[in-house]
């Protein structure tokens, strides 16, 4: 290879590297600039896309009953959802978790109350009981009705002797 060809290839590589770095700077400066980032990307925008039930697969955990509504309408579409997660130490953590999943420009949520849920997949039973110190006692009968939609073959009951 001649020295002229070698210089051209080196120049092309250098130019390619420079172009890559230039493109990266442009991307960081303009495309990833906070002005261009939509914080609602990947978040739930519609009530129909909010799952009715999201609870632990097994064991005992805190749960809350939440009303989800369209943000702009007072008397608009709404629905109740149940959330329970063993990794959440407080009922408010469950509410914060759902808040992070929805687009708060489109939907608003309000905690109706809380309690505890015990899920036993071996016997296919779910027990709903107790209350939240922060949000009060949820309407456990409403919670049972919502759970029955997702777990129609399971035995779901309200108990007070476990708390």
C-alpha atoms as a PDB file:
ATOM      1  CA  UNK A   1       0.000   0.000   0.000  1.00  0.00           C
ATOM      2  CA  UNK A   2       1.343   3.383  -0.918  1.00  0.00           C
ATOM      3  CA  UNK A   3       1.840   6.147   1.580  1.00  0.00           C
ATOM      4  CA  UNK A   4      -0.827   8.266  -0.145  1.00  0.00           C
ATOM      5  CA  UNK A   5      -3.419   5.498   0.191  1.00  0.00           C
ATOM      6  CA  UNK A   6      -2.377   4.950   3.780  1.00  0.00           C
ATOM      7  CA  UNK A   7      -2.878   8.644   4.568  1.00  0.00           C
ATOM      8  CA  UNK A   8      -6.332   8.639   2.923  1.00  0.00           C
ATOM      9  CA  UNK A   9      -7.431   5.614   4.954  1.00  0.00           C
ATOM     10  CA  UNK A  10      -6.065   7.156   8.135  1.00  0.00           C
ATOM     11  CA  UNK A  11      -7.853  10.405   7.280  1.00  0.00           C
ATOM     12  CA  UNK A  12     -11.100   8.524   6.637  1.00  0.00           C
ATOM     13  CA  UNK A  13     -10.820   6.693   9.953  1.00  0.00           C
ATOM     14  CA  UNK A  14     -10.069   9.916  11.750  1.00  0.00           C
ATOM     15  CA  UNK A  15     -12.960  11.610  10.009  1.00  0.00           C
ATOM     16  CA  UNK A  16     -15.250   8.714  10.860  1.00  0.00           C
ATOM     17  CA  UNK A  17     -14.184   8.926  14.492  1.00  0.00           C
ATOM     18  CA  UNK A  18     -14.621  12.688  14.485  1.00  0.00           C
ATOM     19  CA  UNK A  19     -18.044  12.351  12.864  1.00  0.00           C
ATOM     20  CA  UNK A  20     -19.051   9.789  15.465  1.00  0.00           C
ATOM     21  CA  UNK A  21     -17.940  12.058  18.313  1.00  0.00           C
ATOM     22  CA  UNK A  22     -19.651  15.035  16.681  1.00  0.00           C
ATOM     23  CA  UNK A  23     -22.889  13.040  16.330  1.00  0.00           C
ATOM     24  CA  UNK A  24     -22.644  11.964  19.964  1.00  0.00           C
ATOM     25  CA  UNK A  25     -22.214  15.587  21.094  1.00  0.00           C
ATOM     26  CA  UNK A  26     -25.225  16.623  19.007  1.00  0.00           C
ATOM     27  CA  UNK A  27     -27.291  13.827  20.478  1.00  0.00           C
ATOM     28  CA  UNK A  28     -26.323  14.751  24.031  1.00  0.00           C
ATOM     29  CA  UNK A  29     -26.890  18.428  23.394  1.00  0.00           C
ATOM     30  CA  UNK A  30     -30.146  18.378  21.458  1.00  0.00           C
ATOM     31  CA  UNK A  31     -31.840  15.016  21.325  1.00  0.00           C
ATOM     32  CA  UNK A  32     -31.307  14.058  24.966  1.00  0.00           C
ATOM     33  CA  UNK A  33     -31.711  17.605  26.231  1.00  0.00           C
ATOM     34  CA  UNK A  34     -34.410  17.726  28.941  1.00  0.00           C
ATOM     35  CA  UNK A  35     -36.537  19.921  26.680  1.00  0.00           C
ATOM     36  CA  UNK A  36     -36.891  17.031  24.243  1.00  0.00           C
ATOM     37  CA  UNK A  37     -37.398  14.248  26.756  1.00  0.00           C
ATOM     38  CA  UNK A  38     -41.021  13.301  27.302  1.00  0.00           C
ATOM     39  CA  UNK A  39     -41.299  12.067  30.893  1.00  0.00           C
ATOM     40  CA  UNK A  40     -44.594  10.348  30.102  1.00  0.00           C
ATOM     41  CA  UNK A  41     -43.016   7.966  27.571  1.00  0.00           C
ATOM     42  CA  UNK A  42     -43.784   4.392  28.439  1.00  0.00           C
ATOM     43  CA  UNK A  43     -46.342   5.351  31.067  1.00  0.00           C
ATOM     44  CA  UNK A  44     -49.997   4.368  31.143  1.00  0.00           C
ATOM     45  CA  UNK A  45     -52.193   7.040  29.509  1.00  0.00           C
ATOM     46  CA  UNK A  46     -55.640   5.428  29.569  1.00  0.00           C
ATOM     47  CA  UNK A  47     -57.777   3.959  32.321  1.00  0.00           C
ATOM     48  CA  UNK A  48     -58.434   0.850  30.250  1.00  0.00           C
ATOM     49  CA  UNK A  49     -54.686   0.076  30.245  1.00  0.00           C
ATOM     50  CA  UNK A  50     -54.368   0.152  34.048  1.00  0.00           C
ATOM     51  CA  UNK A  51     -54.489  -3.474  35.268  1.00  0.00           C
ATOM     52  CA  UNK A  52     -57.312  -4.145  37.736  1.00  0.00           C
ATOM     53  CA  UNK A  53     -55.129  -6.327  39.964  1.00  0.00           C
ATOM     54  CA  UNK A  54     -51.412  -6.368  40.667  1.00  0.00           C
ATOM     55  CA  UNK A  55     -50.676  -8.337  43.837  1.00  0.00           C
ATOM     56  CA  UNK A  56     -47.977 -10.687  45.115  1.00  0.00           C
ATOM     57  CA  UNK A  57     -48.145 -14.222  43.754  1.00  0.00           C
ATOM     58  CA  UNK A  58     -47.755 -15.780  47.196  1.00  0.00           C
ATOM     59  CA  UNK A  59     -47.495 -14.825  50.850  1.00  0.00           C
ATOM     60  CA  UNK A  60     -48.814 -11.966  52.915  1.00  0.00           C
ATOM     61  CA  UNK A  61     -48.511  -8.317  51.923  1.00  0.00           C
ATOM     62  CA  UNK A  62     -50.072  -4.915  52.382  1.00  0.00           C
ATOM     63  CA  UNK A  63     -52.614  -3.838  49.796  1.00  0.00           C
ATOM     64  CA  UNK A  64     -54.522  -0.716  48.836  1.00  0.00           C
ATOM     65  CA  UNK A  65     -57.725  -0.068  46.929  1.00  0.00           C
ATOM     66  CA  UNK A  66     -57.245   2.808  44.480  1.00  0.00           C
ATOM     67  CA  UNK A  67     -59.662   4.825  42.357  1.00  0.00           C
ATOM     68  CA  UNK A  68     -58.187   5.755  38.968  1.00  0.00           C
ATOM     69  CA  UNK A  69     -59.827   8.659  37.076  1.00  0.00           C
ATOM     70  CA  UNK A  70     -59.260  10.753  33.994  1.00  0.00           C
ATOM     71  CA  UNK A  71     -57.397  13.854  35.132  1.00  0.00           C
ATOM     72  CA  UNK A  72     -59.600  16.543  33.578  1.00  0.00           C
ATOM     73  CA  UNK A  73     -63.031  15.118  34.341  1.00  0.00           C
ATOM     74  CA  UNK A  74     -64.661  15.155  37.731  1.00  0.00           C
ATOM     75  CA  UNK A  75     -67.515  12.857  36.759  1.00  0.00           C
ATOM     76  CA  UNK A  76     -65.703  11.049  33.962  1.00  0.00           C
ATOM     77  CA  UNK A  77     -64.607   7.488  33.619  1.00  0.00           C
ATOM     78  CA  UNK A  78     -63.127   5.859  36.715  1.00  0.00           C
ATOM     79  CA  UNK A  79     -62.377   2.405  38.053  1.00  0.00           C
ATOM     80  CA  UNK A  80     -61.109   0.717  41.198  1.00  0.00           C
ATOM     81  CA  UNK A  81     -57.851  -1.240  41.187  1.00  0.00           C
ATOM     82  CA  UNK A  82     -56.079  -3.372  43.796  1.00  0.00           C
ATOM     83  CA  UNK A  83     -52.339  -3.176  44.432  1.00  0.00           C
ATOM     84  CA  UNK A  84     -50.327  -5.349  46.809  1.00  0.00           C
ATOM     85  CA  UNK A  85     -46.596  -5.940  46.965  1.00  0.00           C
ATOM     86  CA  UNK A  86     -44.499  -7.641  49.636  1.00  0.00           C
ATOM     87  CA  UNK A  87     -41.520  -5.403  48.837  1.00  0.00           C
ATOM     88  CA  UNK A  88     -43.425  -2.290  49.953  1.00  0.00           C
ATOM     89  CA  UNK A  89     -43.034  -1.585  53.657  1.00  0.00           C
ATOM     90  CA  UNK A  90     -45.864   0.977  53.786  1.00  0.00           C
ATOM     91  CA  UNK A  91     -49.218   1.376  52.083  1.00  0.00           C
ATOM     92  CA  UNK A  92     -48.060   4.749  50.722  1.00  0.00           C
ATOM     93  CA  UNK A  93     -45.224   2.959  48.882  1.00  0.00           C
ATOM     94  CA  UNK A  94     -47.846   1.052  46.885  1.00  0.00           C
ATOM     95  CA  UNK A  95     -49.514   4.321  45.910  1.00  0.00           C
ATOM     96  CA  UNK A  96     -46.173   5.852  44.898  1.00  0.00           C
ATOM     97  CA  UNK A  97     -45.397   2.793  42.791  1.00  0.00           C
ATOM     98  CA  UNK A  98     -48.624   3.202  40.797  1.00  0.00           C
ATOM     99  CA  UNK A  99     -48.032   6.958  40.478  1.00  0.00           C
ATOM    100  CA  UNK A 100     -44.694   6.225  38.823  1.00  0.00           C
ATOM    101  CA  UNK A 101     -46.397   3.914  36.301  1.00  0.00           C
ATOM    102  CA  UNK A 102     -49.099   6.310  35.074  1.00  0.00           C
ATOM    103  CA  UNK A 103     -49.014   9.539  33.100  1.00  0.00           C
ATOM    104  CA  UNK A 104     -50.151  12.027  35.741  1.00  0.00           C
ATOM    105  CA  UNK A 105     -51.134  14.534  33.044  1.00  0.00           C
ATOM    106  CA  UNK A 106     -53.830  12.118  31.865  1.00  0.00           C
ATOM    107  CA  UNK A 107     -54.813  10.117  34.961  1.00  0.00           C
ATOM    108  CA  UNK A 108     -55.220  10.815  38.646  1.00  0.00           C
ATOM    109  CA  UNK A 109     -55.342   8.285  41.465  1.00  0.00           C
ATOM    110  CA  UNK A 110     -56.763   8.331  44.966  1.00  0.00           C
ATOM    111  CA  UNK A 111     -56.324   5.717  47.659  1.00  0.00           C
ATOM    112  CA  UNK A 112     -59.680   4.564  49.056  1.00  0.00           C
ATOM    113  CA  UNK A 113     -58.196   2.461  51.861  1.00  0.00           C
ATOM    114  CA  UNK A 114     -55.923  -0.448  52.593  1.00  0.00           C
ATOM    115  CA  UNK A 115     -55.361  -3.663  54.466  1.00  0.00           C
ATOM    116  CA  UNK A 116     -53.531  -6.924  54.005  1.00  0.00           C
ATOM    117  CA  UNK A 117     -53.798  -9.794  51.564  1.00  0.00           C
ATOM    118  CA  UNK A 118     -52.657 -13.366  52.119  1.00  0.00           C
ATOM    119  CA  UNK A 119     -52.223 -15.356  48.892  1.00  0.00           C
ATOM    120  CA  UNK A 120     -51.834 -19.141  49.094  1.00  0.00           C
ATOM    121  CA  UNK A 121     -51.337 -20.635  45.613  1.00  0.00           C
ATOM    122  CA  UNK A 122     -51.174 -24.199  47.002  1.00  0.00           C
ATOM    123  CA  UNK A 123     -54.769 -24.071  48.233  1.00  0.00           C
ATOM    124  CA  UNK A 124     -55.810 -21.377  45.727  1.00  0.00           C
ATOM    125  CA  UNK A 125     -57.135 -19.075  48.434  1.00  0.00           C
ATOM    126  CA  UNK A 126     -56.850 -15.345  49.019  1.00  0.00           C
ATOM    127  CA  UNK A 127     -57.705 -13.750  52.361  1.00  0.00           C
ATOM    128  CA  UNK A 128     -58.395 -10.027  52.628  1.00  0.00           C
ATOM    129  CA  UNK A 129     -58.289  -8.393  56.053  1.00  0.00           C
ATOM    130  CA  UNK A 130     -57.031  -5.535  58.232  1.00  0.00           C
ATOM    131  CA  UNK A 131     -56.613  -1.841  57.604  1.00  0.00           C
ATOM    132  CA  UNK A 132     -54.081   0.836  56.777  1.00  0.00           C
ATOM    133  CA  UNK A 133     -53.087   3.248  59.524  1.00  0.00           C
ATOM    134  CA  UNK A 134     -52.551   5.972  56.934  1.00  0.00           C
ATOM    135  CA  UNK A 135     -55.522   5.416  54.572  1.00  0.00           C
ATOM    136  CA  UNK A 136     -58.015   3.586  56.784  1.00  0.00           C
ATOM    137  CA  UNK A 137     -59.793   0.337  56.046  1.00  0.00           C
ATOM    138  CA  UNK A 138     -60.593  -0.437  52.427  1.00  0.00           C
ATOM    139  CA  UNK A 139     -63.974  -1.797  51.432  1.00  0.00           C
ATOM    140  CA  UNK A 140     -62.884  -5.429  51.512  1.00  0.00           C
ATOM    141  CA  UNK A 141     -66.029  -6.608  49.691  1.00  0.00           C
ATOM    142  CA  UNK A 142     -65.172  -4.371  46.726  1.00  0.00           C
ATOM    143  CA  UNK A 143     -61.614  -5.715  46.836  1.00  0.00           C
ATOM    144  CA  UNK A 144     -62.919  -9.303  46.782  1.00  0.00           C
ATOM    145  CA  UNK A 145     -65.124  -8.534  43.755  1.00  0.00           C
ATOM    146  CA  UNK A 146     -62.171  -7.076  41.856  1.00  0.00           C
ATOM    147  CA  UNK A 147     -59.941 -10.044  42.787  1.00  0.00           C
ATOM    148  CA  UNK A 148     -62.616 -12.528  41.637  1.00  0.00           C
ATOM    149  CA  UNK A 149     -62.362 -11.097  38.108  1.00  0.00           C
ATOM    150  CA  UNK A 150     -58.693 -12.078  37.891  1.00  0.00           C
ATOM    151  CA  UNK A 151     -58.909 -15.245  40.009  1.00  0.00           C
ATOM    152  CA  UNK A 152     -62.327 -16.764  39.167  1.00  0.00           C
ATOM    153  CA  UNK A 153     -61.370 -20.318  40.226  1.00  0.00           C
ATOM    154  CA  UNK A 154     -59.920 -19.263  43.592  1.00  0.00           C
ATOM    155  CA  UNK A 155     -61.586 -19.009  46.997  1.00  0.00           C
ATOM    156  CA  UNK A 156     -61.454 -15.350  48.023  1.00  0.00           C
ATOM    157  CA  UNK A 157     -62.763 -14.267  51.414  1.00  0.00           C
ATOM    158  CA  UNK A 158     -62.756 -11.456  53.914  1.00  0.00           C
ATOM    159  CA  UNK A 159     -61.407 -12.511  57.323  1.00  0.00           C
ATOM    160  CA  UNK A 160     -60.803 -10.558  60.482  1.00  0.00           C
ATOM    161  CA  UNK A 161     -59.171 -13.235  62.612  1.00  0.00           C
ATOM    162  CA  UNK A 162     -55.720 -12.940  60.979  1.00  0.00           C
ATOM    163  CA  UNK A 163     -54.882  -9.398  62.002  1.00  0.00           C
END
